[in-house]
Every structure is written in structure tokens, then in C-alpha cells.
Amino acid sequence: MTEHKSQRIIDLPEARSPISQSKEMNDEIDFSVLFAVLWHAKWFIISCTLFFAIVGGIYAFMKPDIYRADVLLTPTTDDTTSQLESVASRFGGLASLAGINVGNGYSGVQKALYAIQVLQSRKFIGNFILKHNLLVPLMAAEGWNKESEKLIYNPDIYDVKSSQWVSEEGSVIKPKLLVAIHYFNREILQIDIDTETKMITISVDFYSPYISQQWVNWLVEDLNHEIRLQDMTDAQNSINYLNQQILQTSLADTRSMLYQLVEQQIKKLMLTEVHQEYVLKTVDPAVVATGPVKPRRLLIIAIACVLGGFIAVFIVFVRQLIINNKINNNSQQ
């Protein structure tokens, strides 16, 4: 009896519910049907993918080349600033009135970060555009002629022969400086700060590799000059104020303190006159780019191919779904 029961248990096939069997069959049927639908429409999918690839390629090669020039900078450091802060911290209130920073606070890194904020300001960029006459190339250029090494200007925006701005109606219209500033900050200028090394990279993207290099060099020069002028003005104002206080006091200790402050401000003033790379020192200068950084044409074409394939598959499935619905409706009728 026991052997008979054990034999029945061994010979019993693996139990599977009708629901699971039906689900597996449906899955196999669905995948086979989907593959059959796609295989039947393979030439449509291939044609659609090729069409999108061609359109993407045309778009990619119609876009002008953009070249990048970048410069690697490091914040400058000097002993005069720390000496000045040490002296000023001993005479707090009066030093603050003289416009001298007291305590921890204006290291080379901090001054460099302040300079970067100045670089991105509307005032600095606006003055930079006007000083170097960049409004025309910035707002009217649309490419670069490699043979003549000259910018290509949009004739609908700027008339090179008459050197005038032109609107659609033919009247003279000059772009607003604020628009050029926003465009420069958004499309041309890029700033990257390494939080670990405190190194700063300033990049300029433009149609010409030579102009990109020139602009990024101008930016660094003008920025150092701007911060140098600010510190020069502050130091001179502090010296004038301290000299007035010296004339007004008769206490020997106070006069000695004031003379020390004046001495440190004079050292600071001398530094502003001597150092050309006043706040940012060049580590790796900008060079003329040998190749464009944009547009990334292969990536554009690849994205176009993928997009075309997805759209083609979607159209095939929708079309097949409509056909199936019509067949089901006809069979029910």
C-alpha cells in the first residue's frame, strides 16, 4: 500500500494552474505578434529612422562651429593684506571708519570670489562690451569664414558696407546694451570654480577661435584692472581720512597708531600700482582652439536616429491597434 502511494506521488506531474498556463501562452502570443508586426513594417521603420537621421545631419551641419578659449587662474596672495588686518584689528573702530577691513575677512580667495561676482555683473560686462566695441560681433555675427579669417554677419541685422544696424522694415535700429549683456552672460561667458583647489577657469565660446582667445584675455586683464582701481581708490581714501585724524589729535599713542595704519595703506597702494595680475594670476593661459566644441554633430544625429525609430515604432503600433479594433468591431457585427 505504501509503495503504491509513493509511486503515485512520483509519477504525479508538476501541477500548474490553468490561469498561469493561459498567461504564459498569451505572453508568447503577444511577443510573437509584436515581433511579426514590427518585422512586417521593418522598411517603414528603417525609412523613418533614416529620414530623421538625414534631417538631424542637415540641422547639425547647418549650425556654425563654436570655438572655446579658456584660461586657468588662481587667487593671488600677499603678506601686506594680512599685516594690514593685524594692525587694523588692534585699532578696530577707527580702522573701520577709515575703510580698512578688520579681522578675518578679505583673503586672496575671498577677493577672487568677489572679483568673479564683479565679472558677472551687468555693469562690468556692459563696460567691457562698450570699451572693446563688441556690440556688432556679439549681436550680428552668425559664423566664421576660415579662409578669410573674418566674421560672417547677418545682413538682416547689420549692414557691413554702411556699418549700420538694420531692422526688418529697413530702418536703422541698434540692439539694446542690456540685451547684449544678457546674451554674453548666457551664451558666451562660462565660469567654473574648483571648490577644492580654488582654481578658477574662465571660458569664452564664440564663432572665431582667435576672437575667443582675445576676449578671454581681455576679460582677465580688465577684471584685474577693475579690482585694482577699486582697491587703489579705497586705499587713497583711507590715507586721506587717517591724515586728517593725525592733524586733529595730539595724543602720541594715537598718532603712532594712525601712522602705522597709514603705512600699511601706502603699502597696499604701492601693490595696486605694481601688480598687473592683481587679484587673479594666470596658471594656464588661453590658446587658440584647434577644433570646435559645438555643435556635437554625431550626438545630434544619434539622437535623431533614436527619435525617428521610436516615432516609427509608435506609429506602427497605433496603426495595428486601429486595424485590430476595426476587425473586432466587424466580427461582433
C-alpha atoms as a PDB file:
ATOM      1  CA  MET A   1       0.000   0.000   0.000  1.00  0.00           C
ATOM      2  CA  THR A   2       2.837   2.326   0.895  1.00  0.00           C
ATOM      3  CA  GLU A   3       4.720   1.583  -2.319  1.00  0.00           C
ATOM      4  CA  HIS A   4       1.600   2.249  -4.345  1.00  0.00           C
ATOM      5  CA  LYS A   5       1.110   5.665  -2.747  1.00  0.00           C
ATOM      6  CA  SER A   6       4.735   6.638  -3.222  1.00  0.00           C
ATOM      7  CA  GLN A   7       4.580   5.607  -6.857  1.00  0.00           C
ATOM      8  CA  ARG A   8       1.561   7.813  -7.380  1.00  0.00           C
ATOM      9  CA  ILE A   9       3.336  10.744  -5.804  1.00  0.00           C
ATOM     10  CA  ILE A  10       6.441  10.345  -8.004  1.00  0.00           C
ATOM     11  CA  ASP A  11       4.505   9.907 -11.195  1.00  0.00           C
ATOM     12  CA  LEU A  12       2.307  12.921 -10.498  1.00  0.00           C
ATOM     13  CA  PRO A  13       3.245  15.723 -12.950  1.00  0.00           C
ATOM     14  CA  GLU A  14       4.049  19.232 -11.721  1.00  0.00           C
ATOM     15  CA  ALA A  15       0.823  21.000 -11.055  1.00  0.00           C
ATOM     16  CA  ARG A  16       0.189  24.274 -12.893  1.00  0.00           C
ATOM     17  CA  SER A  17      -2.949  26.268 -12.664  1.00  0.00           C
ATOM     18  CA  PRO A  18      -4.962  26.930 -15.825  1.00  0.00           C
ATOM     19  CA  ILE A  19      -4.562  30.678 -15.195  1.00  0.00           C
ATOM     20  CA  SER A  20      -0.738  30.571 -15.244  1.00  0.00           C
ATOM     21  CA  GLN A  21      -0.734  28.381 -18.359  1.00  0.00           C
ATOM     22  CA  SER A  22      -3.061  30.789 -20.090  1.00  0.00           C
ATOM     23  CA  LYS A  23      -0.912  33.760 -19.074  1.00  0.00           C
ATOM     24  CA  GLU A  24       2.263  32.151 -20.447  1.00  0.00           C
ATOM     25  CA  MET A  25       0.537  31.339 -23.719  1.00  0.00           C
ATOM     26  CA  ASN A  26      -0.785  34.891 -24.003  1.00  0.00           C
ATOM     27  CA  ASP A  27       2.691  36.311 -23.327  1.00  0.00           C
ATOM     28  CA  GLU A  28       4.200  34.092 -26.016  1.00  0.00           C
ATOM     29  CA  ILE A  29       1.449  35.052 -28.438  1.00  0.00           C
ATOM     30  CA  ASP A  30       1.798  38.775 -27.613  1.00  0.00           C
ATOM     31  CA  PHE A  31       5.559  38.793 -28.164  1.00  0.00           C
ATOM     32  CA  SER A  32       5.285  36.840 -31.365  1.00  0.00           C
ATOM     33  CA  VAL A  33       2.538  39.146 -32.615  1.00  0.00           C
ATOM     34  CA  LEU A  34       4.543  42.256 -31.722  1.00  0.00           C
ATOM     35  CA  PHE A  35       7.620  40.907 -33.466  1.00  0.00           C
ATOM     36  CA  ALA A  36       5.567  39.995 -36.506  1.00  0.00           C
ATOM     37  CA  VAL A  37       4.053  43.484 -36.646  1.00  0.00           C
ATOM     38  CA  LEU A  38       7.476  45.133 -36.388  1.00  0.00           C
ATOM     39  CA  TRP A  39       9.003  42.772 -38.942  1.00  0.00           C
ATOM     40  CA  HIS A  40       6.185  43.438 -41.352  1.00  0.00           C
ATOM     41  CA  ALA A  41       6.781  47.202 -41.030  1.00  0.00           C
ATOM     42  CA  LYS A  42      10.581  46.986 -40.976  1.00  0.00           C
ATOM     43  CA  TRP A  43      11.073  49.039 -44.131  1.00  0.00           C
ATOM     44  CA  PHE A  44       8.821  51.782 -42.814  1.00  0.00           C
ATOM     45  CA  ILE A  45      10.785  51.860 -39.533  1.00  0.00           C
ATOM     46  CA  ILE A  46      14.119  51.899 -41.366  1.00  0.00           C
ATOM     47  CA  SER A  47      12.927  54.641 -43.733  1.00  0.00           C
ATOM     48  CA  CYS A  48      11.617  56.767 -40.878  1.00  0.00           C
ATOM     49  CA  THR A  49      14.860  56.357 -38.927  1.00  0.00           C
ATOM     50  CA  LEU A  50      16.951  57.281 -41.972  1.00  0.00           C
ATOM     51  CA  PHE A  51      14.744  60.297 -42.638  1.00  0.00           C
ATOM     52  CA  PHE A  52      15.235  61.601 -39.120  1.00  0.00           C
ATOM     53  CA  ALA A  53      18.969  60.888 -39.345  1.00  0.00           C
ATOM     54  CA  ILE A  54      19.217  62.914 -42.566  1.00  0.00           C
ATOM     55  CA  VAL A  55      17.209  65.791 -41.099  1.00  0.00           C
ATOM     56  CA  GLY A  56      19.342  65.690 -37.947  1.00  0.00           C
ATOM     57  CA  GLY A  57      22.508  65.665 -40.039  1.00  0.00           C
ATOM     58  CA  ILE A  58      21.354  68.633 -42.122  1.00  0.00           C
ATOM     59  CA  TYR A  59      20.486  70.544 -38.946  1.00  0.00           C
ATOM     60  CA  ALA A  60      23.814  69.642 -37.307  1.00  0.00           C
ATOM     61  CA  PHE A  61      25.923  70.712 -40.278  1.00  0.00           C
ATOM     62  CA  MET A  62      23.944  73.914 -40.794  1.00  0.00           C
ATOM     63  CA  LYS A  63      24.847  75.023 -37.273  1.00  0.00           C
ATOM     64  CA  PRO A  64      28.017  77.156 -37.220  1.00  0.00           C
ATOM     65  CA  ASP A  65      31.118  75.962 -35.394  1.00  0.00           C
ATOM     66  CA  ILE A  66      31.675  77.351 -31.907  1.00  0.00           C
ATOM     67  CA  TYR A  67      35.228  77.580 -30.551  1.00  0.00           C
ATOM     68  CA  ARG A  68      36.214  77.818 -26.896  1.00  0.00           C
ATOM     69  CA  ALA A  69      39.151  79.562 -25.286  1.00  0.00           C
ATOM     70  CA  ASP A  70      39.726  79.158 -21.563  1.00  0.00           C
ATOM     71  CA  VAL A  71      42.232  80.381 -19.012  1.00  0.00           C
ATOM     72  CA  LEU A  72      43.098  78.788 -15.673  1.00  0.00           C
ATOM     73  CA  LEU A  73      43.557  81.260 -12.819  1.00  0.00           C
ATOM     74  CA  THR A  74      44.481  81.180  -9.152  1.00  0.00           C
ATOM     75  CA  PRO A  75      43.798  83.808  -6.470  1.00  0.00           C
ATOM     76  CA  THR A  76      46.817  85.983  -5.682  1.00  0.00           C
ATOM     77  CA  THR A  77      48.133  86.208  -2.135  1.00  0.00           C
ATOM     78  CA  ASP A  78      50.354  88.773  -0.448  1.00  0.00           C
ATOM     79  CA  ASP A  79      51.650  89.465   3.057  1.00  0.00           C
ATOM     80  CA  THR A  80      50.567  93.096   3.069  1.00  0.00           C
ATOM     81  CA  THR A  81      46.891  92.245   3.438  1.00  0.00           C
ATOM     82  CA  SER A  82      47.493  90.051   6.484  1.00  0.00           C
ATOM     83  CA  GLN A  83      49.803  92.670   8.035  1.00  0.00           C
ATOM     84  CA  LEU A  84      47.210  95.354   7.436  1.00  0.00           C
ATOM     85  CA  GLU A  85      44.473  93.280   9.041  1.00  0.00           C
ATOM     86  CA  SER A  86      46.758  92.571  12.018  1.00  0.00           C
ATOM     87  CA  VAL A  87      47.379  96.270  12.583  1.00  0.00           C
ATOM     88  CA  ALA A  88      43.768  97.239  11.915  1.00  0.00           C
ATOM     89  CA  SER A  89      42.434  94.629  14.351  1.00  0.00           C
ATOM     90  CA  ARG A  90      44.265  96.403  17.189  1.00  0.00           C
ATOM     91  CA  PHE A  91      42.566  99.690  16.436  1.00  0.00           C
ATOM     92  CA  GLY A  92      39.147  98.330  15.406  1.00  0.00           C
ATOM     93  CA  GLY A  93      36.723 101.264  15.412  1.00  0.00           C
ATOM     94  CA  LEU A  94      38.985 103.862  13.860  1.00  0.00           C
ATOM     95  CA  ALA A  95      40.234 101.428  11.237  1.00  0.00           C
ATOM     96  CA  SER A  96      36.670 100.624  10.249  1.00  0.00           C
ATOM     97  CA  LEU A  97      35.900 104.323   9.878  1.00  0.00           C
ATOM     98  CA  ALA A  98      38.904 104.591   7.589  1.00  0.00           C
ATOM     99  CA  GLY A  99      37.501 101.833   5.387  1.00  0.00           C
ATOM    100  CA  ILE A 100      40.017  99.188   6.465  1.00  0.00           C
ATOM    101  CA  ASN A 101      38.818  95.595   6.818  1.00  0.00           C
ATOM    102  CA  VAL A 102      39.167  94.303  10.351  1.00  0.00           C
ATOM    103  CA  GLY A 103      39.565  90.713  11.494  1.00  0.00           C
ATOM    104  CA  ASN A 104      39.310  87.600   9.366  1.00  0.00           C
ATOM    105  CA  GLY A 105      37.956  88.595   6.307  1.00  0.00           C
ATOM    106  CA  TYR A 106      39.486  89.557   2.978  1.00  0.00           C
ATOM    107  CA  SER A 107      41.815  86.763   1.955  1.00  0.00           C
ATOM    108  CA  GLY A 108      43.036  86.209  -1.577  1.00  0.00           C
ATOM    109  CA  VAL A 109      40.351  83.577  -2.155  1.00  0.00           C
ATOM    110  CA  GLN A 110      37.594  85.852  -0.879  1.00  0.00           C
ATOM    111  CA  LYS A 111      38.840  88.696  -3.031  1.00  0.00           C
ATOM    112  CA  ALA A 112      38.920  86.366  -6.044  1.00  0.00           C
ATOM    113  CA  LEU A 113      35.322  85.282  -5.386  1.00  0.00           C
ATOM    114  CA  TYR A 114      34.346  88.935  -5.161  1.00  0.00           C
ATOM    115  CA  ALA A 115      36.117  89.529  -8.481  1.00  0.00           C
ATOM    116  CA  ILE A 116      34.088  86.728 -10.086  1.00  0.00           C
ATOM    117  CA  GLN A 117      30.879  88.403  -8.920  1.00  0.00           C
ATOM    118  CA  VAL A 118      32.123  91.638 -10.480  1.00  0.00           C
ATOM    119  CA  LEU A 119      32.913  89.753 -13.700  1.00  0.00           C
ATOM    120  CA  GLN A 120      29.313  88.534 -13.944  1.00  0.00           C
ATOM    121  CA  SER A 121      27.774  91.899 -13.125  1.00  0.00           C
ATOM    122  CA  ARG A 122      25.822  93.887 -15.704  1.00  0.00           C
ATOM    123  CA  LYS A 123      27.984  96.943 -15.064  1.00  0.00           C
ATOM    124  CA  PHE A 124      31.285  95.199 -15.790  1.00  0.00           C
ATOM    125  CA  ILE A 125      30.051  93.290 -18.859  1.00  0.00           C
ATOM    126  CA  GLY A 126      28.371  96.424 -20.215  1.00  0.00           C
ATOM    127  CA  ASN A 127      31.565  98.450 -19.840  1.00  0.00           C
ATOM    128  CA  PHE A 128      33.541  95.559 -21.352  1.00  0.00           C
ATOM    129  CA  ILE A 129      31.309  95.470 -24.443  1.00  0.00           C
ATOM    130  CA  LEU A 130      31.473  99.239 -24.934  1.00  0.00           C
ATOM    131  CA  LYS A 131      35.215  99.516 -24.255  1.00  0.00           C
ATOM    132  CA  HIS A 132      36.174  96.893 -26.856  1.00  0.00           C
ATOM    133  CA  ASN A 133      33.377  97.672 -29.364  1.00  0.00           C
ATOM    134  CA  LEU A 134      31.886  94.186 -29.155  1.00  0.00           C
ATOM    135  CA  LEU A 135      28.252  95.029 -29.814  1.00  0.00           C
ATOM    136  CA  VAL A 136      28.462  94.368 -33.571  1.00  0.00           C
ATOM    137  CA  PRO A 137      30.286  90.999 -33.490  1.00  0.00           C
ATOM    138  CA  LEU A 138      28.306  89.935 -30.440  1.00  0.00           C
ATOM    139  CA  MET A 139      24.817  90.609 -31.796  1.00  0.00           C
ATOM    140  CA  ALA A 140      25.246  90.467 -35.594  1.00  0.00           C
ATOM    141  CA  ALA A 141      27.800  87.718 -36.282  1.00  0.00           C
ATOM    142  CA  GLU A 142      26.473  84.345 -37.418  1.00  0.00           C
ATOM    143  CA  GLY A 143      29.617  82.450 -38.387  1.00  0.00           C
ATOM    144  CA  TRP A 144      33.315  82.458 -39.230  1.00  0.00           C
ATOM    145  CA  ASN A 145      34.975  82.355 -42.643  1.00  0.00           C
ATOM    146  CA  LYS A 146      38.027  80.131 -42.175  1.00  0.00           C
ATOM    147  CA  GLU A 147      39.611  81.147 -45.494  1.00  0.00           C
ATOM    148  CA  SER A 148      39.472  84.907 -44.976  1.00  0.00           C
ATOM    149  CA  GLU A 149      39.534  84.572 -41.160  1.00  0.00           C
ATOM    150  CA  LYS A 150      36.718  87.087 -40.851  1.00  0.00           C
ATOM    151  CA  LEU A 151      33.356  87.023 -39.149  1.00  0.00           C
ATOM    152  CA  ILE A 152      30.217  86.444 -41.197  1.00  0.00           C
ATOM    153  CA  TYR A 153      27.476  88.950 -40.354  1.00  0.00           C
ATOM    154  CA  ASN A 154      23.744  88.517 -40.741  1.00  0.00           C
ATOM    155  CA  PRO A 155      22.698  91.018 -43.456  1.00  0.00           C
ATOM    156  CA  ASP A 156      19.207  91.235 -41.966  1.00  0.00           C
ATOM    157  CA  ILE A 157      20.691  92.570 -38.728  1.00  0.00           C
ATOM    158  CA  TYR A 158      23.789  94.535 -39.724  1.00  0.00           C
ATOM    159  CA  ASP A 159      24.859  96.182 -42.991  1.00  0.00           C
ATOM    160  CA  VAL A 160      28.639  95.819 -43.220  1.00  0.00           C
ATOM    161  CA  LYS A 161      29.017  98.286 -46.113  1.00  0.00           C
ATOM    162  CA  SER A 162      27.230 101.137 -44.383  1.00  0.00           C
ATOM    163  CA  SER A 163      28.202  99.975 -40.866  1.00  0.00           C
ATOM    164  CA  GLN A 164      24.611 100.350 -39.701  1.00  0.00           C
ATOM    165  CA  TRP A 165      22.090  98.211 -37.868  1.00  0.00           C
ATOM    166  CA  VAL A 166      19.066  97.249 -39.943  1.00  0.00           C
ATOM    167  CA  SER A 167      15.591  96.086 -38.909  1.00  0.00           C
ATOM    168  CA  GLU A 168      13.097  94.137 -40.992  1.00  0.00           C
ATOM    169  CA  GLU A 169      11.468  97.377 -42.138  1.00  0.00           C
ATOM    170  CA  GLY A 170      14.807  98.717 -43.350  1.00  0.00           C
ATOM    171  CA  SER A 171      15.119 101.364 -40.645  1.00  0.00           C
ATOM    172  CA  VAL A 172      18.230 101.728 -38.515  1.00  0.00           C
ATOM    173  CA  ILE A 173      17.873 100.054 -35.128  1.00  0.00           C
ATOM    174  CA  LYS A 174      20.637  99.365 -32.622  1.00  0.00           C
ATOM    175  CA  PRO A 175      20.322  96.473 -30.158  1.00  0.00           C
ATOM    176  CA  LYS A 176      19.977  97.473 -26.531  1.00  0.00           C
ATOM    177  CA  LEU A 177      23.079  97.072 -24.413  1.00  0.00           C
ATOM    178  CA  LEU A 178      21.137  95.164 -21.746  1.00  0.00           C
ATOM    179  CA  VAL A 179      20.167  92.531 -24.339  1.00  0.00           C
ATOM    180  CA  ALA A 180      23.824  92.139 -25.324  1.00  0.00           C
ATOM    181  CA  ILE A 181      24.825  91.802 -21.652  1.00  0.00           C
ATOM    182  CA  HIS A 182      22.316  89.004 -21.056  1.00  0.00           C
ATOM    183  CA  TYR A 183      23.399  87.252 -24.257  1.00  0.00           C
ATOM    184  CA  PHE A 184      27.072  87.499 -23.271  1.00  0.00           C
ATOM    185  CA  ASN A 185      26.459  86.059 -19.804  1.00  0.00           C
ATOM    186  CA  ARG A 186      24.167  83.305 -21.103  1.00  0.00           C
ATOM    187  CA  GLU A 187      25.899  82.180 -24.325  1.00  0.00           C
ATOM    188  CA  ILE A 188      29.480  83.465 -24.339  1.00  0.00           C
ATOM    189  CA  LEU A 189      30.900  83.509 -20.816  1.00  0.00           C
ATOM    190  CA  GLN A 190      31.402  80.434 -18.633  1.00  0.00           C
ATOM    191  CA  ILE A 191      32.997  80.340 -15.182  1.00  0.00           C
ATOM    192  CA  ASP A 192      33.987  77.229 -13.247  1.00  0.00           C
ATOM    193  CA  ILE A 193      35.380  77.275  -9.694  1.00  0.00           C
ATOM    194  CA  ASP A 194      37.082  74.216  -8.217  1.00  0.00           C
ATOM    195  CA  THR A 195      35.925  74.096  -4.598  1.00  0.00           C
ATOM    196  CA  GLU A 196      38.942  72.020  -3.517  1.00  0.00           C
ATOM    197  CA  THR A 197      41.857  73.769  -5.221  1.00  0.00           C
ATOM    198  CA  LYS A 198      40.147  77.188  -5.519  1.00  0.00           C
ATOM    199  CA  MET A 199      41.296  77.306  -9.135  1.00  0.00           C
ATOM    200  CA  ILE A 200      39.096  79.360 -11.452  1.00  0.00           C
ATOM    201  CA  THR A 201      38.503  78.643 -15.141  1.00  0.00           C
ATOM    202  CA  ILE A 202      37.072  81.394 -17.326  1.00  0.00           C
ATOM    203  CA  SER A 203      35.888  80.313 -20.784  1.00  0.00           C
ATOM    204  CA  VAL A 204      34.607  82.186 -23.817  1.00  0.00           C
ATOM    205  CA  ASP A 205      32.638  80.492 -26.621  1.00  0.00           C
ATOM    206  CA  PHE A 206      32.419  82.222 -29.994  1.00  0.00           C
ATOM    207  CA  TYR A 207      32.458  81.640 -33.748  1.00  0.00           C
ATOM    208  CA  SER A 208      36.143  82.539 -34.104  1.00  0.00           C
ATOM    209  CA  PRO A 209      38.933  80.736 -32.206  1.00  0.00           C
ATOM    210  CA  TYR A 210      41.093  83.867 -32.383  1.00  0.00           C
ATOM    211  CA  ILE A 211      38.390  86.188 -31.085  1.00  0.00           C
ATOM    212  CA  SER A 212      37.553  83.743 -28.280  1.00  0.00           C
ATOM    213  CA  GLN A 213      41.168  83.822 -27.119  1.00  0.00           C
ATOM    214  CA  GLN A 214      41.319  87.604 -27.393  1.00  0.00           C
ATOM    215  CA  TRP A 215      38.104  88.138 -25.434  1.00  0.00           C
ATOM    216  CA  VAL A 216      39.052  85.844 -22.558  1.00  0.00           C
ATOM    217  CA  ASN A 217      42.435  87.598 -22.248  1.00  0.00           C
ATOM    218  CA  TRP A 218      40.692  90.972 -22.221  1.00  0.00           C
ATOM    219  CA  LEU A 219      38.304  89.765 -19.533  1.00  0.00           C
ATOM    220  CA  VAL A 220      41.132  88.761 -17.200  1.00  0.00           C
ATOM    221  CA  GLU A 221      43.052  91.987 -17.842  1.00  0.00           C
ATOM    222  CA  ASP A 222      40.020  94.216 -17.358  1.00  0.00           C
ATOM    223  CA  LEU A 223      38.901  92.350 -14.246  1.00  0.00           C
ATOM    224  CA  ASN A 224      42.302  92.679 -12.568  1.00  0.00           C
ATOM    225  CA  HIS A 225      42.367  96.335 -13.566  1.00  0.00           C
ATOM    226  CA  GLU A 226      38.865  96.943 -12.171  1.00  0.00           C
ATOM    227  CA  ILE A 227      39.623  95.395  -8.767  1.00  0.00           C
ATOM    228  CA  ARG A 228      42.986  97.167  -8.695  1.00  0.00           C
ATOM    229  CA  LEU A 229      41.301 100.536  -9.270  1.00  0.00           C
ATOM    230  CA  GLN A 230      38.750  99.827  -6.548  1.00  0.00           C
ATOM    231  CA  ASP A 231      41.455  98.953  -4.005  1.00  0.00           C
ATOM    232  CA  MET A 232      43.546 101.918  -5.112  1.00  0.00           C
ATOM    233  CA  THR A 233      40.615 104.270  -4.545  1.00  0.00           C
ATOM    234  CA  ASP A 234      39.816 102.686  -1.173  1.00  0.00           C
ATOM    235  CA  ALA A 235      43.443 102.907  -0.032  1.00  0.00           C
ATOM    236  CA  GLN A 236      43.756 106.544  -1.100  1.00  0.00           C
ATOM    237  CA  ASN A 237      40.518 107.477   0.660  1.00  0.00           C
ATOM    238  CA  SER A 238      41.713 105.684   3.811  1.00  0.00           C
ATOM    239  CA  ILE A 239      45.037 107.543   3.699  1.00  0.00           C
ATOM    240  CA  ASN A 240      43.275 110.890   3.334  1.00  0.00           C
ATOM    241  CA  TYR A 241      40.986 110.127   6.270  1.00  0.00           C
ATOM    242  CA  LEU A 242      43.848 108.936   8.506  1.00  0.00           C
ATOM    243  CA  ASN A 243      45.944 112.027   7.689  1.00  0.00           C
ATOM    244  CA  GLN A 244      43.038 114.210   8.760  1.00  0.00           C
ATOM    245  CA  GLN A 245      42.815 112.311  12.040  1.00  0.00           C
ATOM    246  CA  ILE A 246      46.557 112.743  12.609  1.00  0.00           C
ATOM    247  CA  LEU A 247      46.199 116.512  12.274  1.00  0.00           C
ATOM    248  CA  GLN A 248      43.270 116.558  14.689  1.00  0.00           C
ATOM    249  CA  THR A 249      44.850 114.537  17.526  1.00  0.00           C
ATOM    250  CA  SER A 250      47.647 115.481  19.900  1.00  0.00           C
ATOM    251  CA  LEU A 251      47.974 112.147  21.721  1.00  0.00           C
ATOM    252  CA  ALA A 252      51.285 110.466  20.945  1.00  0.00           C
ATOM    253  CA  ASP A 253      49.942 106.892  21.174  1.00  0.00           C
ATOM    254  CA  THR A 254      47.022 107.663  18.909  1.00  0.00           C
ATOM    255  CA  ARG A 255      49.266 109.406  16.376  1.00  0.00           C
ATOM    256  CA  SER A 256      51.620 106.395  16.383  1.00  0.00           C
ATOM    257  CA  MET A 257      48.683 104.077  15.757  1.00  0.00           C
ATOM    258  CA  LEU A 258      47.451 106.252  12.913  1.00  0.00           C
ATOM    259  CA  TYR A 259      50.908 106.363  11.322  1.00  0.00           C
ATOM    260  CA  GLN A 260      51.016 102.550  11.338  1.00  0.00           C
ATOM    261  CA  LEU A 261      47.658 102.422   9.595  1.00  0.00           C
ATOM    262  CA  VAL A 262      48.815 104.975   7.037  1.00  0.00           C
ATOM    263  CA  GLU A 263      51.994 102.967   6.432  1.00  0.00           C
ATOM    264  CA  GLN A 264      50.023  99.808   5.706  1.00  0.00           C
ATOM    265  CA  GLN A 265      47.659 101.654   3.391  1.00  0.00           C
ATOM    266  CA  ILE A 266      50.616 103.101   1.492  1.00  0.00           C
ATOM    267  CA  LYS A 267      51.999  99.568   1.041  1.00  0.00           C
ATOM    268  CA  LYS A 268      48.625  98.467  -0.250  1.00  0.00           C
ATOM    269  CA  LEU A 269      48.555 101.429  -2.635  1.00  0.00           C
ATOM    270  CA  MET A 270      52.014 100.521  -3.926  1.00  0.00           C
ATOM    271  CA  LEU A 271      50.884  96.954  -4.598  1.00  0.00           C
ATOM    272  CA  THR A 272      47.963  98.167  -6.678  1.00  0.00           C
ATOM    273  CA  GLU A 273      50.357 100.171  -8.835  1.00  0.00           C
ATOM    274  CA  VAL A 274      52.939  97.398  -9.262  1.00  0.00           C
ATOM    275  CA  HIS A 275      50.969  94.160  -9.755  1.00  0.00           C
ATOM    276  CA  GLN A 276      49.260  93.722 -13.111  1.00  0.00           C
ATOM    277  CA  GLU A 277      47.700  90.372 -12.148  1.00  0.00           C
ATOM    278  CA  TYR A 278      46.350  91.948  -9.019  1.00  0.00           C
ATOM    279  CA  VAL A 279      43.602  89.548  -7.913  1.00  0.00           C
ATOM    280  CA  LEU A 280      43.765  86.628 -10.380  1.00  0.00           C
ATOM    281  CA  LYS A 281      47.061  85.136 -11.527  1.00  0.00           C
ATOM    282  CA  THR A 282      47.290  83.135 -14.749  1.00  0.00           C
ATOM    283  CA  VAL A 283      48.305  79.496 -14.322  1.00  0.00           C
ATOM    284  CA  ASP A 284      47.491  78.236 -17.815  1.00  0.00           C
ATOM    285  CA  PRO A 285      46.964  80.965 -20.443  1.00  0.00           C
ATOM    286  CA  ALA A 286      44.349  80.813 -23.175  1.00  0.00           C
ATOM    287  CA  VAL A 287      45.368  79.366 -26.537  1.00  0.00           C
ATOM    288  CA  VAL A 288      43.738  79.349 -29.960  1.00  0.00           C
ATOM    289  CA  ALA A 289      41.407  76.359 -30.201  1.00  0.00           C
ATOM    290  CA  THR A 290      42.268  73.801 -32.878  1.00  0.00           C
ATOM    291  CA  GLY A 291      38.717  72.470 -33.180  1.00  0.00           C
ATOM    292  CA  PRO A 292      35.151  73.447 -32.314  1.00  0.00           C
ATOM    293  CA  VAL A 293      33.418  72.395 -29.090  1.00  0.00           C
ATOM    294  CA  LYS A 294      29.934  72.834 -30.525  1.00  0.00           C
ATOM    295  CA  PRO A 295      27.771  71.643 -32.139  1.00  0.00           C
ATOM    296  CA  ARG A 296      28.220  67.968 -31.232  1.00  0.00           C
ATOM    297  CA  ARG A 297      27.107  66.711 -34.612  1.00  0.00           C
ATOM    298  CA  LEU A 298      27.432  62.960 -34.046  1.00  0.00           C
ATOM    299  CA  LEU A 299      25.362  63.241 -30.876  1.00  0.00           C
ATOM    300  CA  ILE A 300      22.675  65.226 -32.703  1.00  0.00           C
ATOM    301  CA  ILE A 301      22.492  62.609 -35.476  1.00  0.00           C
ATOM    302  CA  ALA A 302      22.385  59.750 -32.945  1.00  0.00           C
ATOM    303  CA  ILE A 303      19.534  61.401 -31.033  1.00  0.00           C
ATOM    304  CA  ALA A 304      17.685  61.989 -34.312  1.00  0.00           C
ATOM    305  CA  CYS A 305      18.046  58.287 -35.230  1.00  0.00           C
ATOM    306  CA  VAL A 306      16.723  57.124 -31.866  1.00  0.00           C
ATOM    307  CA  LEU A 307      13.859  59.607 -32.008  1.00  0.00           C
ATOM    308  CA  GLY A 308      12.970  58.534 -35.547  1.00  0.00           C
ATOM    309  CA  GLY A 309      12.979  54.863 -34.563  1.00  0.00           C
ATOM    310  CA  PHE A 310      10.722  55.454 -31.557  1.00  0.00           C
ATOM    311  CA  ILE A 311       8.271  57.511 -33.590  1.00  0.00           C
ATOM    312  CA  ALA A 312       8.177  54.873 -36.335  1.00  0.00           C
ATOM    313  CA  VAL A 313       7.505  52.044 -33.847  1.00  0.00           C
ATOM    314  CA  PHE A 314       4.816  54.112 -32.154  1.00  0.00           C
ATOM    315  CA  ILE A 315       3.086  54.777 -35.488  1.00  0.00           C
ATOM    316  CA  VAL A 316       3.228  51.071 -36.390  1.00  0.00           C
ATOM    317  CA  PHE A 317       1.671  50.016 -33.085  1.00  0.00           C
ATOM    318  CA  VAL A 318      -1.053  52.663 -33.254  1.00  0.00           C
ATOM    319  CA  ARG A 319      -1.884  51.685 -36.821  1.00  0.00           C
ATOM    320  CA  GLN A 320      -2.044  47.995 -35.885  1.00  0.00           C
ATOM    321  CA  LEU A 321      -4.243  48.798 -32.889  1.00  0.00           C
ATOM    322  CA  ILE A 322      -6.680  50.666 -35.123  1.00  0.00           C
ATOM    323  CA  ILE A 323      -6.764  47.739 -37.578  1.00  0.00           C
ATOM    324  CA  ASN A 324      -7.408  45.254 -34.756  1.00  0.00           C
ATOM    325  CA  ASN A 325     -10.232  47.380 -33.377  1.00  0.00           C
ATOM    326  CA  LYS A 326     -11.880  47.521 -36.796  1.00  0.00           C
ATOM    327  CA  ILE A 327     -11.599  43.739 -37.193  1.00  0.00           C
ATOM    328  CA  ASN A 328     -13.091  43.152 -33.736  1.00  0.00           C
ATOM    329  CA  ASN A 329     -15.964  45.531 -34.440  1.00  0.00           C
ATOM    330  CA  ASN A 330     -16.716  43.842 -37.764  1.00  0.00           C
ATOM    331  CA  SER A 331     -16.635  40.365 -36.174  1.00  0.00           C
ATOM    332  CA  GLN A 332     -19.045  41.442 -33.445  1.00  0.00           C
ATOM    333  CA  GLN A 333     -21.453  42.794 -36.020  1.00  0.00           C
END
